[in-house]
């Protein structure tokens, strides 16, 4: 999606989210363009932000250390690696995703 003023638009979304006292905002595939980066910044400044999609251990740690997000989520990585936290701790190799084993509705 595109937006001429992503900071205003997504800042507004984040502000409205805060009005409902929701715990967090979960964004998939963040920061893929300049507009995306601006939208992420606006949302991050206004509350708890969880990002997902395409993160590995190193990228997730970098985003957290740089303050771009509060948390990162790992969906497909967890499906392929039920012991994902332990693998991250040990810096072990991860199993590849196997889409043929996923339940698609």
PDB file of N, CA and C in Angstrom:
ATOM      1  N   UNK A   1       0.828  -1.160   0.000  1.00  0.00           N
ATOM      2  CA  UNK A   1       0.000   0.000   0.000  1.00  0.00           C
ATOM      3  C   UNK A   1       0.880   1.234   0.000  1.00  0.00           C
ATOM      4  N   UNK A   2       0.392   2.297  -0.476  1.00  0.00           N
ATOM      5  CA  UNK A   2       1.147   3.535  -0.490  1.00  0.00           C
ATOM      6  C   UNK A   2       0.409   4.616   0.274  1.00  0.00           C
ATOM      7  N   UNK A   3       1.144   5.645   0.642  1.00  0.00           N
ATOM      8  CA  UNK A   3       0.544   6.736   1.381  1.00  0.00           C
ATOM      9  C   UNK A   3       1.410   7.974   1.193  1.00  0.00           C
ATOM     10  N   UNK A   4       0.777   9.115   0.946  1.00  0.00           N
ATOM     11  CA  UNK A   4       1.528  10.356   0.754  1.00  0.00           C
ATOM     12  C   UNK A   4       2.135  10.888   2.044  1.00  0.00           C
ATOM     13  N   UNK A   5       1.533  10.553   3.179  1.00  0.00           N
ATOM     14  CA  UNK A   5       2.027  11.035   4.461  1.00  0.00           C
ATOM     15  C   UNK A   5       1.939   9.903   5.492  1.00  0.00           C
ATOM     16  N   UNK A   6       2.825   8.893   5.367  1.00  0.00           N
ATOM     17  CA  UNK A   6       2.714   7.718   6.233  1.00  0.00           C
ATOM     18  C   UNK A   6       2.871   8.026   7.714  1.00  0.00           C
ATOM     19  N   UNK A   7       3.674   9.035   8.055  1.00  0.00           N
ATOM     20  CA  UNK A   7       3.826   9.358   9.472  1.00  0.00           C
ATOM     21  C   UNK A   7       2.503   9.845  10.062  1.00  0.00           C
ATOM     22  N   UNK A   8       1.784  10.663   9.333  1.00  0.00           N
ATOM     23  CA  UNK A   8       0.500  11.159   9.821  1.00  0.00           C
ATOM     24  C   UNK A   8      -0.538  10.037   9.858  1.00  0.00           C
ATOM     25  N   UNK A   9      -0.622   9.270   8.781  1.00  0.00           N
ATOM     26  CA  UNK A   9      -1.625   8.205   8.701  1.00  0.00           C
ATOM     27  C   UNK A   9      -1.398   7.147   9.772  1.00  0.00           C
ATOM     28  N   UNK A  10      -0.184   6.602   9.838  1.00  0.00           N
ATOM     29  CA  UNK A  10       0.061   5.510  10.764  1.00  0.00           C
ATOM     30  C   UNK A  10       0.236   6.003  12.195  1.00  0.00           C
ATOM     31  N   UNK A  11       0.648   7.249  12.341  1.00  0.00           N
ATOM     32  CA  UNK A  11       0.641   7.847  13.672  1.00  0.00           C
ATOM     33  C   UNK A  11      -0.774   7.931  14.206  1.00  0.00           C
ATOM     34  N   UNK A  12      -1.704   8.309  13.333  1.00  0.00           N
ATOM     35  CA  UNK A  12      -3.126   8.367  13.698  1.00  0.00           C
ATOM     36  C   UNK A  12      -3.629   6.974  14.096  1.00  0.00           C
ATOM     37  N   UNK A  13      -3.268   5.965  13.302  1.00  0.00           N
ATOM     38  CA  UNK A  13      -3.674   4.587  13.617  1.00  0.00           C
ATOM     39  C   UNK A  13      -3.157   4.191  14.996  1.00  0.00           C
ATOM     40  N   UNK A  14      -1.897   4.496  15.258  1.00  0.00           N
ATOM     41  CA  UNK A  14      -1.310   4.139  16.549  1.00  0.00           C
ATOM     42  C   UNK A  14      -1.987   4.897  17.691  1.00  0.00           C
ATOM     43  N   UNK A  15      -2.286   6.163  17.482  1.00  0.00           N
ATOM     44  CA  UNK A  15      -2.980   6.947  18.510  1.00  0.00           C
ATOM     45  C   UNK A  15      -4.349   6.347  18.816  1.00  0.00           C
ATOM     46  N   UNK A  16      -5.084   5.978  17.773  1.00  0.00           N
ATOM     47  CA  UNK A  16      -6.408   5.379  17.974  1.00  0.00           C
ATOM     48  C   UNK A  16      -6.281   4.043  18.691  1.00  0.00           C
ATOM     49  N   UNK A  17      -5.255   3.295  18.341  1.00  0.00           N
ATOM     50  CA  UNK A  17      -5.012   2.018  19.016  1.00  0.00           C
ATOM     51  C   UNK A  17      -4.832   2.270  20.509  1.00  0.00           C
ATOM     52  N   UNK A  18      -4.063   3.280  20.874  1.00  0.00           N
ATOM     53  CA  UNK A  18      -3.813   3.589  22.278  1.00  0.00           C
ATOM     54  C   UNK A  18      -5.089   3.961  23.017  1.00  0.00           C
ATOM     55  N   UNK A  19      -6.035   4.578  22.315  1.00  0.00           N
ATOM     56  CA  UNK A  19      -7.298   4.970  22.940  1.00  0.00           C
ATOM     57  C   UNK A  19      -8.087   3.756  23.424  1.00  0.00           C
ATOM     58  N   UNK A  20      -7.854   2.605  22.810  1.00  0.00           N
ATOM     59  CA  UNK A  20      -8.556   1.385  23.194  1.00  0.00           C
ATOM     60  C   UNK A  20      -7.749   0.543  24.173  1.00  0.00           C
ATOM     61  N   UNK A  21      -6.597   1.054  24.615  1.00  0.00           N
ATOM     62  CA  UNK A  21      -5.764   0.377  25.600  1.00  0.00           C
ATOM     63  C   UNK A  21      -5.384  -1.032  25.153  1.00  0.00           C
ATOM     64  N   UNK A  22      -5.104  -1.176  23.858  1.00  0.00           N
ATOM     65  CA  UNK A  22      -4.643  -2.462  23.349  1.00  0.00           C
ATOM     66  C   UNK A  22      -3.183  -2.647  23.736  1.00  0.00           C
ATOM     67  N   UNK A  23      -2.769  -3.869  23.850  1.00  0.00           N
ATOM     68  CA  UNK A  23      -1.437  -4.163  24.369  1.00  0.00           C
ATOM     69  C   UNK A  23      -0.321  -3.813  23.391  1.00  0.00           C
ATOM     70  N   UNK A  24      -0.549  -4.038  22.110  1.00  0.00           N
ATOM     71  CA  UNK A  24       0.535  -3.838  21.161  1.00  0.00           C
ATOM     72  C   UNK A  24      -0.006  -3.698  19.749  1.00  0.00           C
ATOM     73  N   UNK A  25       0.880  -3.378  18.852  1.00  0.00           N
ATOM     74  CA  UNK A  25       0.590  -3.317  17.423  1.00  0.00           C
ATOM     75  C   UNK A  25       1.553  -4.266  16.741  1.00  0.00           C
ATOM     76  N   UNK A  26       1.039  -5.197  15.960  1.00  0.00           N
ATOM     77  CA  UNK A  26       1.842  -6.229  15.308  1.00  0.00           C
ATOM     78  C   UNK A  26       1.877  -5.930  13.811  1.00  0.00           C
ATOM     79  N   UNK A  27       3.071  -5.721  13.269  1.00  0.00           N
ATOM     80  CA  UNK A  27       3.222  -5.338  11.872  1.00  0.00           C
ATOM     81  C   UNK A  27       4.012  -6.420  11.136  1.00  0.00           C
ATOM     82  N   UNK A  28       3.494  -6.864   9.997  1.00  0.00           N
ATOM     83  CA  UNK A  28       4.159  -7.874   9.188  1.00  0.00           C
ATOM     84  C   UNK A  28       4.879  -7.208   8.032  1.00  0.00           C
ATOM     85  N   UNK A  29       6.085  -7.682   7.765  1.00  0.00           N
ATOM     86  CA  UNK A  29       6.916  -7.211   6.664  1.00  0.00           C
ATOM     87  C   UNK A  29       7.150  -5.707   6.725  1.00  0.00           C
ATOM     88  N   UNK A  30       7.717  -5.248   7.835  1.00  0.00           N
ATOM     89  CA  UNK A  30       7.903  -3.812   8.029  1.00  0.00           C
ATOM     90  C   UNK A  30       9.096  -3.248   7.292  1.00  0.00           C
ATOM     91  N   UNK A  31       9.078  -1.942   7.130  1.00  0.00           N
ATOM     92  CA  UNK A  31      10.264  -1.193   6.721  1.00  0.00           C
ATOM     93  C   UNK A  31      10.812  -1.607   5.354  1.00  0.00           C
ATOM     94  N   UNK A  32       9.944  -1.934   4.413  1.00  0.00           N
ATOM     95  CA  UNK A  32      10.425  -2.384   3.107  1.00  0.00           C
ATOM     96  C   UNK A  32      10.608  -1.238   2.118  1.00  0.00           C
ATOM     97  N   UNK A  33      10.293  -0.037   2.523  1.00  0.00           N
ATOM     98  CA  UNK A  33      10.447   1.126   1.653  1.00  0.00           C
ATOM     99  C   UNK A  33      10.637   2.358   2.530  1.00  0.00           C
ATOM    100  N   UNK A  34      10.916   3.489   1.916  1.00  0.00           N
ATOM    101  CA  UNK A  34      11.037   4.723   2.680  1.00  0.00           C
ATOM    102  C   UNK A  34       9.728   5.048   3.388  1.00  0.00           C
ATOM    103  N   UNK A  35       8.616   4.897   2.666  1.00  0.00           N
ATOM    104  CA  UNK A  35       7.307   5.154   3.282  1.00  0.00           C
ATOM    105  C   UNK A  35       7.061   4.176   4.425  1.00  0.00           C
ATOM    106  N   UNK A  36       7.461   2.915   4.222  1.00  0.00           N
ATOM    107  CA  UNK A  36       7.313   1.917   5.282  1.00  0.00           C
ATOM    108  C   UNK A  36       8.131   2.271   6.504  1.00  0.00           C
ATOM    109  N   UNK A  37       9.341   2.763   6.289  1.00  0.00           N
ATOM    110  CA  UNK A  37      10.204   3.157   7.402  1.00  0.00           C
ATOM    111  C   UNK A  37       9.578   4.314   8.180  1.00  0.00           C
ATOM    112  N   UNK A  38       8.996   5.268   7.485  1.00  0.00           N
ATOM    113  CA  UNK A  38       8.345   6.399   8.147  1.00  0.00           C
ATOM    114  C   UNK A  38       7.117   5.943   8.931  1.00  0.00           C
ATOM    115  N   UNK A  39       6.352   5.027   8.346  1.00  0.00           N
ATOM    116  CA  UNK A  39       5.167   4.511   9.033  1.00  0.00           C
ATOM    117  C   UNK A  39       5.580   3.756  10.293  1.00  0.00           C
ATOM    118  N   UNK A  40       6.621   2.941  10.187  1.00  0.00           N
ATOM    119  CA  UNK A  40       7.101   2.192  11.340  1.00  0.00           C
ATOM    120  C   UNK A  40       7.545   3.139  12.444  1.00  0.00           C
ATOM    121  N   UNK A  41       8.264   4.174  12.083  1.00  0.00           N
ATOM    122  CA  UNK A  41       8.747   5.144  13.065  1.00  0.00           C
ATOM    123  C   UNK A  41       7.570   5.806  13.781  1.00  0.00           C
ATOM    124  N   UNK A  42       6.560   6.181  13.022  1.00  0.00           N
ATOM    125  CA  UNK A  42       5.384   6.826  13.616  1.00  0.00           C
ATOM    126  C   UNK A  42       4.671   5.886  14.579  1.00  0.00           C
ATOM    127  N   UNK A  43       4.541   4.624  14.210  1.00  0.00           N
ATOM    128  CA  UNK A  43       3.859   3.671  15.078  1.00  0.00           C
ATOM    129  C   UNK A  43       4.705   3.354  16.305  1.00  0.00           C
ATOM    130  N   UNK A  44       5.995   3.239  16.116  1.00  0.00           N
ATOM    131  CA  UNK A  44       6.906   2.908  17.216  1.00  0.00           C
ATOM    132  C   UNK A  44       6.915   4.002  18.282  1.00  0.00           C
ATOM    133  N   UNK A  45       6.808   5.236  17.856  1.00  0.00           N
ATOM    134  CA  UNK A  45       6.840   6.360  18.795  1.00  0.00           C
ATOM    135  C   UNK A  45       5.580   6.448  19.646  1.00  0.00           C
ATOM    136  N   UNK A  46       4.540   5.706  19.271  1.00  0.00           N
ATOM    137  CA  UNK A  46       3.258   5.844  19.951  1.00  0.00           C
ATOM    138  C   UNK A  46       2.804   4.582  20.675  1.00  0.00           C
ATOM    139  N   UNK A  47       3.698   3.626  20.887  1.00  0.00           N
ATOM    140  CA  UNK A  47       3.280   2.444  21.639  1.00  0.00           C
ATOM    141  C   UNK A  47       4.133   1.231  21.365  1.00  0.00           C
ATOM    142  N   UNK A  48       3.767   0.137  21.987  1.00  0.00           N
ATOM    143  CA  UNK A  48       4.479  -1.122  21.849  1.00  0.00           C
ATOM    144  C   UNK A  48       4.314  -1.662  20.440  1.00  0.00           C
ATOM    145  N   UNK A  49       5.435  -2.048  19.828  1.00  0.00           N
ATOM    146  CA  UNK A  49       5.412  -2.511  18.441  1.00  0.00           C
ATOM    147  C   UNK A  49       6.078  -3.874  18.326  1.00  0.00           C
ATOM    148  N   UNK A  50       5.355  -4.812  17.730  1.00  0.00           N
ATOM    149  CA  UNK A  50       5.868  -6.141  17.419  1.00  0.00           C
ATOM    150  C   UNK A  50       5.990  -6.236  15.910  1.00  0.00           C
ATOM    151  N   UNK A  51       7.144  -6.668  15.423  1.00  0.00           N
ATOM    152  CA  UNK A  51       7.340  -6.817  13.981  1.00  0.00           C
ATOM    153  C   UNK A  51       7.586  -8.283  13.654  1.00  0.00           C
ATOM    154  N   UNK A  52       7.232  -8.667  12.437  1.00  0.00           N
ATOM    155  CA  UNK A  52       7.378 -10.055  12.007  1.00  0.00           C
ATOM    156  C   UNK A  52       7.643 -10.114  10.515  1.00  0.00           C
ATOM    157  N   UNK A  53       8.117 -11.252  10.058  1.00  0.00           N
ATOM    158  CA  UNK A  53       8.286 -11.608   8.652  1.00  0.00           C
ATOM    159  C   UNK A  53       9.725 -11.402   8.186  1.00  0.00           C
ATOM    160  N   UNK A  54      10.398 -12.499   8.011  1.00  0.00           N
ATOM    161  CA  UNK A  54      11.736 -12.459   7.436  1.00  0.00           C
ATOM    162  C   UNK A  54      12.848 -12.157   8.422  1.00  0.00           C
ATOM    163  N   UNK A  55      12.563 -12.202   9.709  1.00  0.00           N
ATOM    164  CA  UNK A  55      13.595 -11.931  10.702  1.00  0.00           C
ATOM    165  C   UNK A  55      14.356 -13.202  11.051  1.00  0.00           C
ATOM    166  N   UNK A  56      15.670 -13.070  11.103  1.00  0.00           N
ATOM    167  CA  UNK A  56      16.489 -14.116  11.698  1.00  0.00           C
ATOM    168  C   UNK A  56      16.991 -13.573  13.029  1.00  0.00           C
ATOM    169  N   UNK A  57      17.774 -14.346  13.740  1.00  0.00           N
ATOM    170  CA  UNK A  57      18.230 -13.937  15.061  1.00  0.00           C
ATOM    171  C   UNK A  57      18.977 -12.605  15.016  1.00  0.00           C
ATOM    172  N   UNK A  58      19.898 -12.485  14.088  1.00  0.00           N
ATOM    173  CA  UNK A  58      20.736 -11.294  14.016  1.00  0.00           C
ATOM    174  C   UNK A  58      19.928 -10.045  13.668  1.00  0.00           C
ATOM    175  N   UNK A  59      19.047 -10.177  12.681  1.00  0.00           N
ATOM    176  CA  UNK A  59      18.238  -9.021  12.276  1.00  0.00           C
ATOM    177  C   UNK A  59      17.293  -8.606  13.404  1.00  0.00           C
ATOM    178  N   UNK A  60      16.705  -9.577  14.070  1.00  0.00           N
ATOM    179  CA  UNK A  60      15.803  -9.270  15.186  1.00  0.00           C
ATOM    180  C   UNK A  60      16.555  -8.546  16.295  1.00  0.00           C
ATOM    181  N   UNK A  61      17.721  -9.053  16.651  1.00  0.00           N
ATOM    182  CA  UNK A  61      18.510  -8.402  17.704  1.00  0.00           C
ATOM    183  C   UNK A  61      18.877  -6.977  17.303  1.00  0.00           C
ATOM    184  N   UNK A  62      19.247  -6.778  16.047  1.00  0.00           N
ATOM    185  CA  UNK A  62      19.622  -5.439  15.581  1.00  0.00           C
ATOM    186  C   UNK A  62      18.444  -4.481  15.704  1.00  0.00           C
ATOM    187  N   UNK A  63      17.254  -4.914  15.278  1.00  0.00           N
ATOM    188  CA  UNK A  63      16.065  -4.055  15.366  1.00  0.00           C
ATOM    189  C   UNK A  63      15.775  -3.689  16.821  1.00  0.00           C
ATOM    190  N   UNK A  64      15.907  -4.652  17.718  1.00  0.00           N
ATOM    191  CA  UNK A  64      15.633  -4.391  19.123  1.00  0.00           C
ATOM    192  C   UNK A  64      16.675  -3.441  19.705  1.00  0.00           C
ATOM    193  N   UNK A  65      17.930  -3.673  19.395  1.00  0.00           N
ATOM    194  CA  UNK A  65      19.002  -2.814  19.910  1.00  0.00           C
ATOM    195  C   UNK A  65      18.906  -1.394  19.360  1.00  0.00           C
ATOM    196  N   UNK A  66      18.438  -1.257  18.119  1.00  0.00           N
ATOM    197  CA  UNK A  66      18.309   0.062  17.506  1.00  0.00           C
ATOM    198  C   UNK A  66      17.011   0.771  17.918  1.00  0.00           C
ATOM    199  N   UNK A  67      16.163   0.079  18.675  1.00  0.00           N
ATOM    200  CA  UNK A  67      14.918   0.682  19.137  1.00  0.00           C
ATOM    201  C   UNK A  67      13.845   0.785  18.072  1.00  0.00           C
ATOM    202  N   UNK A  68      13.972   0.008  16.997  1.00  0.00           N
ATOM    203  CA  UNK A  68      12.965   0.047  15.927  1.00  0.00           C
ATOM    204  C   UNK A  68      11.694  -0.707  16.304  1.00  0.00           C
ATOM    205  N   UNK A  69      11.797  -1.625  17.263  1.00  0.00           N
ATOM    206  CA  UNK A  69      10.657  -2.429  17.696  1.00  0.00           C
ATOM    207  C   UNK A  69      10.861  -2.819  19.150  1.00  0.00           C
ATOM    208  N   UNK A  70       9.771  -3.228  19.781  1.00  0.00           N
ATOM    209  CA  UNK A  70       9.848  -3.723  21.153  1.00  0.00           C
ATOM    210  C   UNK A  70      10.037  -5.232  21.187  1.00  0.00           C
ATOM    211  N   UNK A  71       9.445  -5.911  20.226  1.00  0.00           N
ATOM    212  CA  UNK A  71       9.496  -7.372  20.147  1.00  0.00           C
ATOM    213  C   UNK A  71       9.534  -7.789  18.689  1.00  0.00           C
ATOM    214  N   UNK A  72      10.035  -9.005  18.446  1.00  0.00           N
ATOM    215  CA  UNK A  72       9.935  -9.589  17.109  1.00  0.00           C
ATOM    216  C   UNK A  72       9.219 -10.931  17.235  1.00  0.00           C
ATOM    217  N   UNK A  73       8.473 -11.277  16.199  1.00  0.00           N
ATOM    218  CA  UNK A  73       7.724 -12.531  16.185  1.00  0.00           C
ATOM    219  C   UNK A  73       8.299 -13.442  15.110  1.00  0.00           C
ATOM    220  N   UNK A  74       8.260 -14.732  15.376  1.00  0.00           N
ATOM    221  CA  UNK A  74       8.797 -15.728  14.452  1.00  0.00           C
ATOM    222  C   UNK A  74       7.750 -16.811  14.238  1.00  0.00           C
ATOM    223  N   UNK A  75       6.986 -16.719  13.161  1.00  0.00           N
ATOM    224  CA  UNK A  75       5.949 -17.701  12.874  1.00  0.00           C
ATOM    225  C   UNK A  75       6.482 -18.940  12.185  1.00  0.00           C
ATOM    226  N   UNK A  76       6.859 -18.774  10.924  1.00  0.00           N
ATOM    227  CA  UNK A  76       7.340 -19.920  10.143  1.00  0.00           C
ATOM    228  C   UNK A  76       8.605 -20.520  10.747  1.00  0.00           C
ATOM    229  N   UNK A  77       9.469 -19.683  11.277  1.00  0.00           N
ATOM    230  CA  UNK A  77      10.688 -20.203  11.907  1.00  0.00           C
ATOM    231  C   UNK A  77      10.353 -21.101  13.090  1.00  0.00           C
ATOM    232  N   UNK A  78       9.309 -20.750  13.842  1.00  0.00           N
ATOM    233  CA  UNK A  78       8.898 -21.578  14.978  1.00  0.00           C
ATOM    234  C   UNK A  78       8.274 -22.887  14.508  1.00  0.00           C
ATOM    235  N   UNK A  79       7.504 -22.836  13.410  1.00  0.00           N
ATOM    236  CA  UNK A  79       6.915 -24.073  12.900  1.00  0.00           C
ATOM    237  C   UNK A  79       7.993 -25.065  12.481  1.00  0.00           C
ATOM    238  N   UNK A  80       9.045 -24.559  11.852  1.00  0.00           N
ATOM    239  CA  UNK A  80      10.131 -25.427  11.391  1.00  0.00           C
ATOM    240  C   UNK A  80      11.091 -25.791  12.517  1.00  0.00           C
ATOM    241  N   UNK A  81      11.088 -25.005  13.573  1.00  0.00           N
ATOM    242  CA  UNK A  81      12.025 -25.201  14.686  1.00  0.00           C
ATOM    243  C   UNK A  81      11.295 -24.995  16.013  1.00  0.00           C
ATOM    244  N   UNK A  82      10.566 -25.997  16.480  1.00  0.00           N
ATOM    245  CA  UNK A  82       9.823 -25.825  17.735  1.00  0.00           C
ATOM    246  C   UNK A  82      10.717 -25.449  18.922  1.00  0.00           C
ATOM    247  N   UNK A  83      12.006 -25.721  18.799  1.00  0.00           N
ATOM    248  CA  UNK A  83      12.970 -25.380  19.845  1.00  0.00           C
ATOM    249  C   UNK A  83      13.727 -24.093  19.501  1.00  0.00           C
ATOM    250  N   UNK A  84      13.061 -23.181  18.807  1.00  0.00           N
ATOM    251  CA  UNK A  84      13.708 -21.971  18.294  1.00  0.00           C
ATOM    252  C   UNK A  84      14.467 -21.169  19.356  1.00  0.00           C
ATOM    253  N   UNK A  85      13.900 -20.903  20.530  1.00  0.00           N
ATOM    254  CA  UNK A  85      14.677 -20.132  21.517  1.00  0.00           C
ATOM    255  C   UNK A  85      16.002 -20.807  21.883  1.00  0.00           C
ATOM    256  N   UNK A  86      15.960 -22.129  22.031  1.00  0.00           N
ATOM    257  CA  UNK A  86      17.195 -22.847  22.363  1.00  0.00           C
ATOM    258  C   UNK A  86      18.195 -22.785  21.206  1.00  0.00           C
ATOM    259  N   UNK A  87      17.708 -22.912  19.997  1.00  0.00           N
ATOM    260  CA  UNK A  87      18.602 -22.795  18.832  1.00  0.00           C
ATOM    261  C   UNK A  87      19.218 -21.401  18.759  1.00  0.00           C
ATOM    262  N   UNK A  88      18.422 -20.380  19.058  1.00  0.00           N
ATOM    263  CA  UNK A  88      18.966 -19.022  19.091  1.00  0.00           C
ATOM    264  C   UNK A  88      20.042 -18.901  20.166  1.00  0.00           C
ATOM    265  N   UNK A  89      19.770 -19.454  21.355  1.00  0.00           N
ATOM    266  CA  UNK A  89      20.751 -19.382  22.444  1.00  0.00           C
ATOM    267  C   UNK A  89      22.066 -20.041  22.046  1.00  0.00           C
ATOM    268  N   UNK A  90      21.957 -21.172  21.365  1.00  0.00           N
ATOM    269  CA  UNK A  90      23.149 -21.928  20.979  1.00  0.00           C
ATOM    270  C   UNK A  90      23.731 -21.475  19.646  1.00  0.00           C
ATOM    271  N   UNK A  91      23.046 -20.533  19.000  1.00  0.00           N
ATOM    272  CA  UNK A  91      23.441 -20.099  17.656  1.00  0.00           C
ATOM    273  C   UNK A  91      23.540 -21.298  16.700  1.00  0.00           C
ATOM    274  N   UNK A  92      22.581 -22.191  16.870  1.00  0.00           N
ATOM    275  CA  UNK A  92      22.531 -23.418  16.068  1.00  0.00           C
ATOM    276  C   UNK A  92      21.870 -23.155  14.720  1.00  0.00           C
ATOM    277  N   UNK A  93      22.141 -24.006  13.778  1.00  0.00           N
ATOM    278  CA  UNK A  93      21.526 -23.920  12.454  1.00  0.00           C
ATOM    279  C   UNK A  93      20.030 -24.186  12.582  1.00  0.00           C
ATOM    280  N   UNK A  94      19.251 -23.499  11.742  1.00  0.00           N
ATOM    281  CA  UNK A  94      17.799 -23.672  11.756  1.00  0.00           C
ATOM    282  C   UNK A  94      17.358 -24.601  10.642  1.00  0.00           C
ATOM    283  N   UNK A  95      16.276 -25.338  10.896  1.00  0.00           N
ATOM    284  CA  UNK A  95      15.640 -26.113   9.837  1.00  0.00           C
ATOM    285  C   UNK A  95      14.988 -25.141   8.866  1.00  0.00           C
ATOM    286  N   UNK A  96      14.967 -25.504   7.601  1.00  0.00           N
ATOM    287  CA  UNK A  96      14.293 -24.697   6.583  1.00  0.00           C
ATOM    288  C   UNK A  96      12.782 -24.884   6.702  1.00  0.00           C
ATOM    289  N   UNK A  97      12.033 -23.856   6.305  1.00  0.00           N
ATOM    290  CA  UNK A  97      10.574 -23.971   6.255  1.00  0.00           C
ATOM    291  C   UNK A  97      10.193 -25.049   5.252  1.00  0.00           C
ATOM    292  N   UNK A  98       9.155 -25.802   5.577  1.00  0.00           N
ATOM    293  CA  UNK A  98       8.609 -26.781   4.652  1.00  0.00           C
ATOM    294  C   UNK A  98       7.131 -26.467   4.484  1.00  0.00           C
ATOM    295  N   UNK A  99       6.825 -25.633   3.481  1.00  0.00           N
ATOM    296  CA  UNK A  99       5.447 -25.182   3.276  1.00  0.00           C
ATOM    297  C   UNK A  99       4.474 -26.324   3.063  1.00  0.00           C
ATOM    298  N   UNK A 100       4.953 -27.465   2.583  1.00  0.00           N
ATOM    299  CA  UNK A 100       4.047 -28.597   2.342  1.00  0.00           C
ATOM    300  C   UNK A 100       3.491 -29.158   3.642  1.00  0.00           C
ATOM    301  N   UNK A 101       4.088 -28.838   4.788  1.00  0.00           N
ATOM    302  CA  UNK A 101       3.602 -29.346   6.072  1.00  0.00           C
ATOM    303  C   UNK A 101       2.677 -28.370   6.767  1.00  0.00           C
ATOM    304  N   UNK A 102       2.452 -27.202   6.189  1.00  0.00           N
ATOM    305  CA  UNK A 102       1.612 -26.195   6.819  1.00  0.00           C
ATOM    306  C   UNK A 102       0.151 -26.454   6.483  1.00  0.00           C
ATOM    307  N   UNK A 103      -0.707 -26.130   7.434  1.00  0.00           N
ATOM    308  CA  UNK A 103      -2.146 -26.235   7.211  1.00  0.00           C
ATOM    309  C   UNK A 103      -2.622 -24.941   6.576  1.00  0.00           C
ATOM    310  N   UNK A 104      -3.116 -25.007   5.358  1.00  0.00           N
ATOM    311  CA  UNK A 104      -3.619 -23.825   4.650  1.00  0.00           C
ATOM    312  C   UNK A 104      -5.131 -23.935   4.577  1.00  0.00           C
ATOM    313  N   UNK A 105      -5.794 -22.894   4.938  1.00  0.00           N
ATOM    314  CA  UNK A 105      -7.253 -22.896   4.936  1.00  0.00           C
ATOM    315  C   UNK A 105      -7.793 -22.620   3.580  1.00  0.00           C
TER     316      UNK A 105
END
